[in-house]
Amino acid sequence: FQRLMPVDALRIRGRHNAANALAALALATSTGAALGPMLHGLREYRGEPHRVEPVAIIDEVEYFDDSKGTNVGATLAAVRGLGAERRLVVILGGDGKGQDFTPLADPLARHARAVVYIGRDAALLRAAVGAALDGAGVAQLDAATLPDAVQVAAGQARSGDAVLMSPACASLDMFDNYVQRARVFVEAVHALALEHGVSLESGQ
């Protein structure tokens, strides 16, 4: 085995992103690409906007925008990827588009400290995953708005945790699109940082 770089040198978080980075390196090196420039590129790569995108660290809790997580599969990847490293408080909900939410139950039971439900299909989400979360001692809470959900999530999170907004749903019940949902989330996190006297420019 060859040590390439520490996982925390990657700006993109989660075990799934580290696995993707290794796959990309393997493919590129098989074509003769030089390893050094690729490792530099990986260190600088910030990922796609609204895909498990780091927003802030407030009181040793990191906040992530995964507003592009508009379906169960995307949220599963985010929960498993981030949850491999820490406990999560997950903000879920919106327009479920008739999806089956039950595949979320076991990963949330394993990786979440709490789940905060928002949006039109909050009750359907709770019905699909609630029993598994109750059995695992995962707190379940409701919020009327996304800014409220950020406040509720912050109250549940502990030092070292992550708050992950990965709705597993479309945004159109509450927002114009997923970009607006992301903007509202980021603004709410920035407001929370101000309340706590945290300067986001310093990344603290």
N, C-alpha and C. Protein backbone atom coordinates (compact mmCIF):
# COMPACT_ATOMS: atom_id res chain seq x y z
N PHE A 1 0.84 -1.20 0.00
CA PHE A 1 0.00 0.00 0.00
C PHE A 1 0.87 1.25 0.00
N GLN A 2 0.43 2.25 -0.69
CA GLN A 2 1.16 3.52 -0.76
C GLN A 2 0.33 4.61 -0.08
N ARG A 3 0.95 5.31 0.87
CA ARG A 3 0.27 6.44 1.50
C ARG A 3 0.34 7.63 0.56
N LEU A 4 -0.82 8.18 0.23
CA LEU A 4 -0.87 9.28 -0.73
C LEU A 4 -1.04 10.63 -0.06
N MET A 5 -2.02 10.73 0.82
CA MET A 5 -2.30 11.98 1.53
C MET A 5 -3.31 11.68 2.62
N PRO A 6 -3.34 12.48 3.69
CA PRO A 6 -4.36 12.26 4.73
C PRO A 6 -5.75 12.55 4.18
N VAL A 7 -6.73 11.79 4.61
CA VAL A 7 -8.10 11.99 4.14
C VAL A 7 -8.57 13.40 4.48
N ASP A 8 -8.16 13.93 5.66
CA ASP A 8 -8.65 15.27 6.01
C ASP A 8 -7.96 16.38 5.22
N ALA A 9 -7.01 16.03 4.35
CA ALA A 9 -6.47 17.04 3.44
C ALA A 9 -7.44 17.32 2.28
N LEU A 10 -8.39 16.41 2.07
CA LEU A 10 -9.41 16.64 1.05
C LEU A 10 -10.41 17.68 1.55
N ARG A 11 -10.79 18.60 0.68
CA ARG A 11 -11.81 19.59 1.05
C ARG A 11 -13.20 18.98 1.00
N ILE A 12 -13.37 17.93 0.21
CA ILE A 12 -14.65 17.23 0.15
C ILE A 12 -14.67 16.20 1.27
N ARG A 13 -15.78 16.11 1.99
CA ARG A 13 -15.86 15.26 3.18
C ARG A 13 -16.64 13.98 2.88
N GLY A 14 -16.38 12.99 3.70
CA GLY A 14 -17.13 11.75 3.63
C GLY A 14 -16.33 10.63 3.00
N ARG A 15 -16.54 9.43 3.52
CA ARG A 15 -15.82 8.26 3.02
C ARG A 15 -16.13 8.01 1.54
N HIS A 16 -17.38 8.28 1.13
CA HIS A 16 -17.74 8.07 -0.27
C HIS A 16 -16.92 8.97 -1.19
N ASN A 17 -16.64 10.19 -0.76
CA ASN A 17 -15.82 11.09 -1.58
C ASN A 17 -14.36 10.65 -1.62
N ALA A 18 -13.86 10.13 -0.50
CA ALA A 18 -12.49 9.61 -0.49
C ALA A 18 -12.37 8.41 -1.43
N ALA A 19 -13.39 7.55 -1.44
CA ALA A 19 -13.38 6.40 -2.35
C ALA A 19 -13.42 6.86 -3.81
N ASN A 20 -14.23 7.87 -4.09
CA ASN A 20 -14.29 8.41 -5.45
C ASN A 20 -12.94 9.01 -5.87
N ALA A 21 -12.27 9.69 -4.93
CA ALA A 21 -10.96 10.27 -5.23
C ALA A 21 -9.95 9.19 -5.56
N LEU A 22 -9.96 8.10 -4.79
CA LEU A 22 -9.04 6.99 -5.07
C LEU A 22 -9.32 6.36 -6.42
N ALA A 23 -10.60 6.21 -6.75
CA ALA A 23 -10.96 5.63 -8.05
C ALA A 23 -10.47 6.52 -9.19
N ALA A 24 -10.63 7.84 -9.03
CA ALA A 24 -10.17 8.77 -10.06
C ALA A 24 -8.65 8.70 -10.21
N LEU A 25 -7.94 8.62 -9.07
CA LEU A 25 -6.47 8.51 -9.13
C LEU A 25 -6.05 7.23 -9.83
N ALA A 26 -6.71 6.12 -9.51
CA ALA A 26 -6.35 4.84 -10.12
C ALA A 26 -6.56 4.88 -11.63
N LEU A 27 -7.69 5.44 -12.05
CA LEU A 27 -7.97 5.53 -13.48
C LEU A 27 -6.94 6.41 -14.19
N ALA A 28 -6.66 7.57 -13.60
CA ALA A 28 -5.74 8.51 -14.25
C ALA A 28 -4.31 7.97 -14.29
N THR A 29 -3.86 7.32 -13.20
CA THR A 29 -2.49 6.78 -13.20
C THR A 29 -2.38 5.63 -14.19
N SER A 30 -3.46 4.89 -14.42
CA SER A 30 -3.41 3.79 -15.39
C SER A 30 -3.21 4.30 -16.82
N THR A 31 -3.51 5.58 -17.05
CA THR A 31 -3.30 6.18 -18.37
C THR A 31 -1.96 6.91 -18.45
N GLY A 32 -1.18 6.86 -17.36
CA GLY A 32 0.15 7.46 -17.36
C GLY A 32 0.22 8.86 -16.79
N ALA A 33 -0.86 9.36 -16.20
CA ALA A 33 -0.84 10.71 -15.61
C ALA A 33 0.07 10.72 -14.39
N ALA A 34 0.74 11.84 -14.17
CA ALA A 34 1.66 11.99 -13.03
C ALA A 34 0.87 12.15 -11.73
N LEU A 35 1.31 11.47 -10.69
CA LEU A 35 0.59 11.46 -9.42
C LEU A 35 0.63 12.81 -8.71
N GLY A 36 1.77 13.48 -8.69
CA GLY A 36 1.92 14.73 -7.94
C GLY A 36 0.89 15.79 -8.28
N PRO A 37 0.75 16.15 -9.56
CA PRO A 37 -0.25 17.17 -9.91
C PRO A 37 -1.68 16.74 -9.57
N MET A 38 -1.95 15.43 -9.69
CA MET A 38 -3.31 14.97 -9.36
C MET A 38 -3.59 15.11 -7.86
N LEU A 39 -2.61 14.79 -7.04
CA LEU A 39 -2.80 14.95 -5.59
C LEU A 39 -3.01 16.41 -5.23
N HIS A 40 -2.25 17.30 -5.89
CA HIS A 40 -2.45 18.73 -5.66
C HIS A 40 -3.87 19.14 -6.07
N GLY A 41 -4.32 18.65 -7.21
CA GLY A 41 -5.67 18.96 -7.68
C GLY A 41 -6.74 18.47 -6.71
N LEU A 42 -6.55 17.28 -6.17
CA LEU A 42 -7.52 16.75 -5.20
C LEU A 42 -7.56 17.59 -3.93
N ARG A 43 -6.39 18.06 -3.49
CA ARG A 43 -6.35 18.90 -2.29
C ARG A 43 -7.14 20.20 -2.49
N GLU A 44 -7.11 20.72 -3.71
CA GLU A 44 -7.76 22.00 -4.00
C GLU A 44 -9.22 21.86 -4.42
N TYR A 45 -9.63 20.65 -4.81
CA TYR A 45 -10.99 20.46 -5.33
C TYR A 45 -12.02 20.64 -4.23
N ARG A 46 -12.97 21.52 -4.46
CA ARG A 46 -13.98 21.84 -3.45
C ARG A 46 -15.28 21.07 -3.63
N GLY A 47 -15.36 20.25 -4.66
CA GLY A 47 -16.58 19.49 -4.90
C GLY A 47 -17.63 20.32 -5.63
N GLU A 48 -18.75 19.68 -5.88
CA GLU A 48 -19.85 20.34 -6.57
C GLU A 48 -20.67 21.16 -5.58
N PRO A 49 -21.18 22.31 -5.99
CA PRO A 49 -22.02 23.10 -5.08
C PRO A 49 -23.24 22.30 -4.63
N HIS A 50 -23.56 22.42 -3.36
CA HIS A 50 -24.76 21.83 -2.77
C HIS A 50 -24.72 20.30 -2.72
N ARG A 51 -23.51 19.73 -2.84
CA ARG A 51 -23.32 18.29 -2.68
C ARG A 51 -22.43 18.07 -1.47
N VAL A 52 -23.02 17.85 -0.32
CA VAL A 52 -22.27 17.69 0.94
C VAL A 52 -21.20 18.78 1.03
N GLU A 53 -21.62 20.01 0.80
CA GLU A 53 -20.71 21.15 0.76
C GLU A 53 -20.54 21.74 2.17
N PRO A 54 -19.31 21.81 2.69
CA PRO A 54 -19.12 22.41 4.01
C PRO A 54 -19.52 23.89 4.00
N VAL A 55 -20.25 24.29 5.04
CA VAL A 55 -20.73 25.66 5.15
C VAL A 55 -20.02 26.40 6.27
N ALA A 56 -19.92 25.77 7.44
CA ALA A 56 -19.34 26.44 8.60
C ALA A 56 -19.06 25.42 9.69
N ILE A 57 -18.19 25.82 10.60
CA ILE A 57 -17.99 25.09 11.86
C ILE A 57 -18.35 26.05 12.98
N ILE A 58 -19.33 25.65 13.79
CA ILE A 58 -19.81 26.49 14.89
C ILE A 58 -19.79 25.64 16.16
N ASP A 59 -19.03 26.07 17.15
CA ASP A 59 -18.94 25.33 18.41
C ASP A 59 -18.60 23.86 18.18
N GLU A 60 -17.63 23.62 17.30
CA GLU A 60 -17.12 22.27 17.01
C GLU A 60 -18.16 21.37 16.36
N VAL A 61 -19.17 21.96 15.74
CA VAL A 61 -20.15 21.23 14.93
C VAL A 61 -20.03 21.75 13.50
N GLU A 62 -19.88 20.84 12.53
CA GLU A 62 -19.74 21.26 11.13
C GLU A 62 -21.09 21.14 10.43
N TYR A 63 -21.41 22.13 9.62
CA TYR A 63 -22.68 22.21 8.90
C TYR A 63 -22.45 21.97 7.42
N PHE A 64 -23.28 21.11 6.82
CA PHE A 64 -23.13 20.72 5.42
C PHE A 64 -24.42 20.95 4.65
N ASP A 65 -24.25 21.54 3.46
CA ASP A 65 -25.35 21.77 2.52
C ASP A 65 -25.34 20.66 1.48
N ASP A 66 -26.36 19.81 1.52
CA ASP A 66 -26.54 18.78 0.49
C ASP A 66 -27.91 18.96 -0.16
N SER A 67 -28.21 20.21 -0.54
CA SER A 67 -29.52 20.52 -1.11
C SER A 67 -29.77 19.77 -2.41
N LYS A 68 -28.70 19.35 -3.10
CA LYS A 68 -28.88 18.52 -4.30
C LYS A 68 -29.31 17.11 -3.96
N GLY A 69 -29.34 16.78 -2.69
CA GLY A 69 -29.81 15.47 -2.26
C GLY A 69 -31.33 15.42 -2.33
N THR A 70 -31.85 15.35 -3.56
CA THR A 70 -33.30 15.44 -3.77
C THR A 70 -33.96 14.07 -3.87
N ASN A 71 -33.19 13.01 -3.64
CA ASN A 71 -33.77 11.66 -3.67
C ASN A 71 -33.11 10.80 -2.61
N VAL A 72 -33.71 9.66 -2.37
CA VAL A 72 -33.26 8.77 -1.29
C VAL A 72 -31.82 8.32 -1.52
N GLY A 73 -31.47 7.97 -2.75
CA GLY A 73 -30.12 7.48 -3.03
C GLY A 73 -29.04 8.49 -2.69
N ALA A 74 -29.28 9.74 -3.04
CA ALA A 74 -28.29 10.79 -2.75
C ALA A 74 -28.13 10.99 -1.25
N THR A 75 -29.24 10.98 -0.53
CA THR A 75 -29.16 11.16 0.92
C THR A 75 -28.51 9.96 1.59
N LEU A 76 -28.78 8.75 1.09
CA LEU A 76 -28.10 7.57 1.62
C LEU A 76 -26.59 7.71 1.50
N ALA A 77 -26.11 8.14 0.34
CA ALA A 77 -24.66 8.31 0.14
C ALA A 77 -24.10 9.34 1.10
N ALA A 78 -24.81 10.44 1.29
CA ALA A 78 -24.33 11.49 2.19
C ALA A 78 -24.30 11.01 3.64
N VAL A 79 -25.36 10.34 4.07
CA VAL A 79 -25.44 9.87 5.46
C VAL A 79 -24.36 8.83 5.73
N ARG A 80 -24.19 7.89 4.82
CA ARG A 80 -23.17 6.86 5.02
C ARG A 80 -21.76 7.45 4.94
N GLY A 81 -21.55 8.36 4.01
CA GLY A 81 -20.23 8.95 3.85
C GLY A 81 -19.80 9.78 5.04
N LEU A 82 -20.67 10.70 5.47
CA LEU A 82 -20.33 11.54 6.63
C LEU A 82 -20.45 10.76 7.94
N GLY A 83 -21.42 9.87 8.00
CA GLY A 83 -21.67 9.14 9.24
C GLY A 83 -20.57 8.17 9.60
N ALA A 84 -19.74 7.81 8.63
CA ALA A 84 -18.60 6.93 8.93
C ALA A 84 -17.59 7.63 9.83
N GLU A 85 -17.63 8.96 9.86
CA GLU A 85 -16.63 9.74 10.60
C GLU A 85 -17.16 10.35 11.89
N ARG A 86 -18.48 10.52 12.00
CA ARG A 86 -19.04 11.25 13.15
C ARG A 86 -20.54 11.03 13.21
N ARG A 87 -21.14 11.46 14.32
CA ARG A 87 -22.60 11.40 14.46
C ARG A 87 -23.21 12.58 13.72
N LEU A 88 -24.44 12.37 13.25
CA LEU A 88 -25.10 13.36 12.41
C LEU A 88 -26.41 13.83 13.02
N VAL A 89 -26.74 15.08 12.75
CA VAL A 89 -28.10 15.58 12.90
C VAL A 89 -28.55 15.91 11.48
N VAL A 90 -29.57 15.20 11.01
CA VAL A 90 -29.96 15.27 9.60
C VAL A 90 -31.28 16.02 9.46
N ILE A 91 -31.29 17.00 8.56
CA ILE A 91 -32.52 17.72 8.21
C ILE A 91 -33.08 17.10 6.95
N LEU A 92 -34.29 16.54 7.05
CA LEU A 92 -34.94 15.80 5.97
C LEU A 92 -36.29 16.40 5.64
N GLY A 93 -36.69 16.31 4.37
CA GLY A 93 -38.08 16.62 4.03
C GLY A 93 -38.24 17.57 2.88
N GLY A 94 -39.47 17.65 2.42
CA GLY A 94 -39.83 18.46 1.27
C GLY A 94 -40.89 17.74 0.46
N ASP A 95 -40.76 17.78 -0.85
CA ASP A 95 -41.66 17.10 -1.77
C ASP A 95 -41.05 15.76 -2.13
N GLY A 96 -41.59 14.69 -1.56
CA GLY A 96 -40.99 13.36 -1.72
C GLY A 96 -41.20 12.70 -3.06
N LYS A 97 -42.04 13.24 -3.90
CA LYS A 97 -42.25 12.73 -5.26
C LYS A 97 -42.65 11.25 -5.26
N GLY A 98 -43.34 10.82 -4.21
CA GLY A 98 -43.82 9.44 -4.16
C GLY A 98 -42.76 8.39 -3.90
N GLN A 99 -41.58 8.79 -3.45
CA GLN A 99 -40.50 7.84 -3.19
C GLN A 99 -40.81 6.95 -1.99
N ASP A 100 -40.14 5.80 -1.97
CA ASP A 100 -40.13 4.92 -0.81
C ASP A 100 -38.96 5.37 0.08
N PHE A 101 -39.27 5.86 1.27
CA PHE A 101 -38.24 6.37 2.18
C PHE A 101 -37.65 5.30 3.10
N THR A 102 -38.20 4.08 3.08
CA THR A 102 -37.76 3.08 4.06
C THR A 102 -36.27 2.73 3.96
N PRO A 103 -35.60 2.81 2.78
CA PRO A 103 -34.16 2.52 2.78
C PRO A 103 -33.33 3.46 3.66
N LEU A 104 -33.89 4.62 4.03
CA LEU A 104 -33.16 5.54 4.90
C LEU A 104 -33.14 5.09 6.36
N ALA A 105 -34.05 4.19 6.73
CA ALA A 105 -34.27 3.90 8.15
C ALA A 105 -33.01 3.37 8.83
N ASP A 106 -32.42 2.30 8.30
CA ASP A 106 -31.28 1.69 8.98
C ASP A 106 -30.04 2.59 9.00
N PRO A 107 -29.66 3.22 7.88
CA PRO A 107 -28.51 4.13 7.95
C PRO A 107 -28.72 5.30 8.92
N LEU A 108 -29.93 5.85 8.96
CA LEU A 108 -30.18 6.93 9.92
C LEU A 108 -30.11 6.41 11.35
N ALA A 109 -30.65 5.22 11.59
CA ALA A 109 -30.59 4.64 12.94
C ALA A 109 -29.15 4.42 13.36
N ARG A 110 -28.28 4.08 12.42
CA ARG A 110 -26.88 3.80 12.72
C ARG A 110 -26.05 5.07 12.90
N HIS A 111 -26.31 6.09 12.10
CA HIS A 111 -25.41 7.24 12.04
C HIS A 111 -25.95 8.53 12.64
N ALA A 112 -27.25 8.63 12.86
CA ALA A 112 -27.82 9.91 13.29
C ALA A 112 -27.97 9.98 14.81
N ARG A 113 -27.74 11.17 15.33
CA ARG A 113 -28.09 11.48 16.71
C ARG A 113 -29.53 11.99 16.77
N ALA A 114 -29.91 12.73 15.72
CA ALA A 114 -31.26 13.28 15.65
C ALA A 114 -31.63 13.51 14.19
N VAL A 115 -32.94 13.55 13.93
CA VAL A 115 -33.48 13.89 12.62
C VAL A 115 -34.50 15.00 12.81
N VAL A 116 -34.40 16.02 11.96
CA VAL A 116 -35.35 17.14 11.99
C VAL A 116 -36.13 17.10 10.67
N TYR A 117 -37.45 16.98 10.78
CA TYR A 117 -38.31 16.88 9.59
C TYR A 117 -38.85 18.25 9.21
N ILE A 118 -38.85 18.52 7.89
CA ILE A 118 -39.46 19.75 7.37
C ILE A 118 -40.31 19.39 6.15
N GLY A 119 -41.16 20.32 5.74
CA GLY A 119 -41.80 20.22 4.45
C GLY A 119 -43.06 19.38 4.39
N ARG A 120 -43.61 19.33 3.19
CA ARG A 120 -44.91 18.72 2.96
C ARG A 120 -44.95 17.25 3.34
N ASP A 121 -43.90 16.50 3.04
CA ASP A 121 -43.92 15.06 3.25
C ASP A 121 -43.19 14.63 4.53
N ALA A 122 -43.10 15.55 5.49
CA ALA A 122 -42.45 15.22 6.77
C ALA A 122 -43.12 14.02 7.44
N ALA A 123 -44.45 13.99 7.41
CA ALA A 123 -45.17 12.89 8.07
C ALA A 123 -44.90 11.56 7.38
N LEU A 124 -44.77 11.57 6.05
CA LEU A 124 -44.46 10.34 5.32
C LEU A 124 -43.06 9.84 5.66
N LEU A 125 -42.12 10.76 5.78
CA LEU A 125 -40.76 10.38 6.19
C LEU A 125 -40.77 9.76 7.58
N ARG A 126 -41.46 10.42 8.51
CA ARG A 126 -41.51 9.90 9.88
C ARG A 126 -42.15 8.52 9.91
N ALA A 127 -43.20 8.33 9.12
CA ALA A 127 -43.87 7.03 9.08
C ALA A 127 -42.94 5.95 8.55
N ALA A 128 -42.06 6.31 7.61
CA ALA A 128 -41.17 5.33 6.99
C ALA A 128 -39.97 4.97 7.86
N VAL A 129 -39.44 5.94 8.61
CA VAL A 129 -38.19 5.70 9.34
C VAL A 129 -38.35 5.79 10.85
N GLY A 130 -39.48 6.28 11.32
CA GLY A 130 -39.64 6.60 12.74
C GLY A 130 -39.44 5.44 13.68
N ALA A 131 -39.99 4.27 13.35
CA ALA A 131 -39.87 3.13 14.26
C ALA A 131 -38.41 2.72 14.44
N ALA A 132 -37.66 2.69 13.35
CA ALA A 132 -36.24 2.33 13.43
C ALA A 132 -35.47 3.35 14.26
N LEU A 133 -35.81 4.63 14.10
CA LEU A 133 -35.11 5.66 14.85
C LEU A 133 -35.47 5.61 16.33
N ASP A 134 -36.75 5.38 16.62
CA ASP A 134 -37.16 5.21 18.02
C ASP A 134 -36.38 4.07 18.66
N GLY A 135 -36.28 2.95 17.94
CA GLY A 135 -35.57 1.78 18.46
C GLY A 135 -34.10 2.04 18.73
N ALA A 136 -33.51 2.95 17.96
CA ALA A 136 -32.09 3.27 18.12
C ALA A 136 -31.85 4.45 19.05
N GLY A 137 -32.93 5.03 19.58
CA GLY A 137 -32.78 6.18 20.47
C GLY A 137 -32.43 7.47 19.76
N VAL A 138 -32.77 7.56 18.47
CA VAL A 138 -32.50 8.78 17.69
C VAL A 138 -33.66 9.75 17.88
N ALA A 139 -33.35 10.96 18.32
CA ALA A 139 -34.39 11.97 18.52
C ALA A 139 -35.00 12.36 17.18
N GLN A 140 -36.33 12.62 17.19
CA GLN A 140 -37.03 13.06 15.99
C GLN A 140 -37.81 14.32 16.32
N LEU A 141 -37.59 15.36 15.53
CA LEU A 141 -38.22 16.65 15.80
C LEU A 141 -38.76 17.22 14.50
N ASP A 142 -39.71 18.14 14.62
CA ASP A 142 -40.31 18.80 13.47
C ASP A 142 -39.98 20.28 13.50
N ALA A 143 -39.87 20.88 12.31
CA ALA A 143 -39.64 22.32 12.20
C ALA A 143 -40.51 22.86 11.08
N ALA A 144 -41.07 24.04 11.29
CA ALA A 144 -41.98 24.63 10.31
C ALA A 144 -41.24 25.21 9.12
N THR A 145 -40.02 25.68 9.35
CA THR A 145 -39.23 26.30 8.28
C THR A 145 -37.81 25.77 8.32
N LEU A 146 -37.06 25.98 7.26
CA LEU A 146 -35.66 25.55 7.24
C LEU A 146 -34.81 26.33 8.25
N PRO A 147 -34.97 27.65 8.39
CA PRO A 147 -34.22 28.33 9.46
C PRO A 147 -34.55 27.78 10.85
N ASP A 148 -35.82 27.45 11.10
CA ASP A 148 -36.17 26.81 12.37
C ASP A 148 -35.45 25.47 12.51
N ALA A 149 -35.38 24.72 11.42
CA ALA A 149 -34.73 23.41 11.46
C ALA A 149 -33.25 23.54 11.81
N VAL A 150 -32.60 24.57 11.30
CA VAL A 150 -31.19 24.79 11.64
C VAL A 150 -31.04 25.05 13.13
N GLN A 151 -31.91 25.86 13.69
CA GLN A 151 -31.86 26.13 15.14
C GLN A 151 -32.11 24.85 15.94
N VAL A 152 -33.11 24.07 15.53
CA VAL A 152 -33.41 22.82 16.24
C VAL A 152 -32.23 21.86 16.13
N ALA A 153 -31.66 21.74 14.94
CA ALA A 153 -30.53 20.84 14.73
C ALA A 153 -29.34 21.25 15.59
N ALA A 154 -29.08 22.55 15.64
CA ALA A 154 -27.97 23.04 16.46
C ALA A 154 -28.16 22.68 17.92
N GLY A 155 -29.40 22.70 18.38
CA GLY A 155 -29.70 22.34 19.76
C GLY A 155 -29.49 20.86 20.06
N GLN A 156 -29.57 20.02 19.03
CA GLN A 156 -29.38 18.58 19.21
C GLN A 156 -27.93 18.13 19.05
N ALA A 157 -27.16 18.88 18.28
CA ALA A 157 -25.80 18.47 17.94
C ALA A 157 -24.86 18.63 19.12
N ARG A 158 -23.87 17.77 19.18
CA ARG A 158 -22.82 17.84 20.20
C ARG A 158 -21.47 18.07 19.52
N SER A 159 -20.51 18.45 20.31
CA SER A 159 -19.16 18.71 19.79
C SER A 159 -18.67 17.51 18.98
N GLY A 160 -18.17 17.78 17.78
CA GLY A 160 -17.68 16.72 16.90
C GLY A 160 -18.70 16.19 15.93
N ASP A 161 -19.98 16.55 16.11
CA ASP A 161 -21.04 16.11 15.21
C ASP A 161 -21.06 16.93 13.94
N ALA A 162 -21.89 16.51 12.99
CA ALA A 162 -22.18 17.29 11.79
C ALA A 162 -23.68 17.47 11.68
N VAL A 163 -24.09 18.66 11.24
CA VAL A 163 -25.48 18.90 10.85
C VAL A 163 -25.52 18.83 9.33
N LEU A 164 -26.31 17.90 8.82
CA LEU A 164 -26.38 17.63 7.39
C LEU A 164 -27.78 17.94 6.88
N MET A 165 -27.90 18.94 6.03
CA MET A 165 -29.17 19.21 5.35
C MET A 165 -29.13 18.44 4.03
N SER A 166 -29.73 17.24 4.06
CA SER A 166 -29.81 16.38 2.88
C SER A 166 -31.24 15.88 2.80
N PRO A 167 -32.13 16.61 2.15
CA PRO A 167 -33.57 16.42 2.34
C PRO A 167 -34.16 15.13 1.81
N ALA A 168 -33.50 14.47 0.85
CA ALA A 168 -34.06 13.30 0.17
C ALA A 168 -35.34 13.63 -0.57
N CYS A 169 -35.58 14.90 -0.79
CA CYS A 169 -36.83 15.38 -1.38
C CYS A 169 -36.55 16.58 -2.29
N ALA A 170 -37.47 16.79 -3.23
CA ALA A 170 -37.44 18.02 -4.01
C ALA A 170 -37.82 19.20 -3.12
N SER A 171 -37.56 20.39 -3.62
CA SER A 171 -37.70 21.60 -2.82
C SER A 171 -38.96 22.40 -3.10
N LEU A 172 -39.73 22.00 -4.11
CA LEU A 172 -40.76 22.89 -4.66
C LEU A 172 -41.95 23.12 -3.75
N ASP A 173 -42.08 22.36 -2.67
CA ASP A 173 -43.17 22.63 -1.73
C ASP A 173 -42.91 23.88 -0.89
N MET A 174 -41.63 24.26 -0.75
CA MET A 174 -41.26 25.40 0.11
C MET A 174 -40.39 26.44 -0.59
N PHE A 175 -39.76 26.07 -1.71
CA PHE A 175 -38.77 26.93 -2.35
C PHE A 175 -38.97 26.93 -3.86
N ASP A 176 -38.32 27.87 -4.53
CA ASP A 176 -38.36 27.91 -6.00
C ASP A 176 -37.59 26.74 -6.61
N ASN A 177 -36.49 26.36 -5.95
CA ASN A 177 -35.63 25.28 -6.45
C ASN A 177 -34.63 24.91 -5.36
N TYR A 178 -33.80 23.91 -5.64
CA TYR A 178 -32.85 23.46 -4.62
C TYR A 178 -31.78 24.52 -4.33
N VAL A 179 -31.50 25.40 -5.29
CA VAL A 179 -30.51 26.45 -5.08
C VAL A 179 -31.02 27.44 -4.04
N GLN A 180 -32.30 27.81 -4.14
CA GLN A 180 -32.87 28.72 -3.14
C GLN A 180 -32.89 28.04 -1.77
N ARG A 181 -33.23 26.75 -1.74
CA ARG A 181 -33.21 26.02 -0.46
C ARG A 181 -31.82 26.07 0.15
N ALA A 182 -30.80 25.86 -0.67
CA ALA A 182 -29.42 25.92 -0.18
C ALA A 182 -29.10 27.30 0.36
N ARG A 183 -29.52 28.33 -0.36
CA ARG A 183 -29.24 29.70 0.08
C ARG A 183 -29.89 29.99 1.43
N VAL A 184 -31.12 29.55 1.61
CA VAL A 184 -31.81 29.76 2.89
C VAL A 184 -31.08 29.02 4.01
N PHE A 185 -30.62 27.80 3.73
CA PHE A 185 -29.87 27.03 4.73
C PHE A 185 -28.58 27.76 5.11
N VAL A 186 -27.82 28.19 4.11
CA VAL A 186 -26.55 28.86 4.37
C VAL A 186 -26.78 30.15 5.16
N GLU A 187 -27.81 30.91 4.79
CA GLU A 187 -28.12 32.14 5.53
C GLU A 187 -28.48 31.83 6.98
N ALA A 188 -29.20 30.75 7.20
CA ALA A 188 -29.58 30.38 8.57
C ALA A 188 -28.35 29.96 9.37
N VAL A 189 -27.43 29.25 8.74
CA VAL A 189 -26.19 28.85 9.42
C VAL A 189 -25.34 30.09 9.73
N HIS A 190 -25.28 31.02 8.79
CA HIS A 190 -24.53 32.26 9.03
C HIS A 190 -25.14 33.05 10.19
N ALA A 191 -26.47 33.09 10.25
CA ALA A 191 -27.13 33.77 11.37
C ALA A 191 -26.81 33.09 12.69
N LEU A 192 -26.79 31.76 12.68
CA LEU A 192 -26.43 31.00 13.88
C LEU A 192 -24.99 31.32 14.30
N ALA A 193 -24.10 31.40 13.33
CA ALA A 193 -22.70 31.74 13.64
C ALA A 193 -22.61 33.10 14.31
N LEU A 194 -23.35 34.07 13.79
CA LEU A 194 -23.35 35.40 14.40
C LEU A 194 -23.84 35.36 15.83
N GLU A 195 -24.91 34.58 16.07
CA GLU A 195 -25.43 34.44 17.44
C GLU A 195 -24.37 33.91 18.39
N HIS A 196 -23.51 33.04 17.86
CA HIS A 196 -22.48 32.40 18.69
C HIS A 196 -21.15 33.13 18.64
N GLY A 197 -21.12 34.28 17.96
CA GLY A 197 -19.89 35.05 17.89
C GLY A 197 -18.79 34.39 17.10
N VAL A 198 -19.17 33.59 16.10
CA VAL A 198 -18.20 32.85 15.30
C VAL A 198 -17.96 33.58 13.99
N SER A 199 -16.69 33.79 13.66
CA SER A 199 -16.32 34.37 12.37
C SER A 199 -16.14 33.25 11.36
N LEU A 200 -16.99 33.22 10.33
CA LEU A 200 -16.89 32.15 9.34
C LEU A 200 -15.67 32.31 8.46
N GLU A 201 -15.14 33.51 8.33
CA GLU A 201 -13.95 33.72 7.52
C GLU A 201 -12.76 32.95 8.07
N SER A 202 -12.76 32.75 9.38
CA SER A 202 -11.64 32.03 9.99
C SER A 202 -11.83 30.54 9.96
N GLY A 203 -13.08 30.09 9.52
CA GLY A 203 -13.36 28.66 9.48
C GLY A 203 -13.53 28.04 10.83
N GLN A 204 -13.72 28.85 11.87
CA GLN A 204 -13.85 28.33 13.22
C GLN A 204 -15.31 28.11 13.57
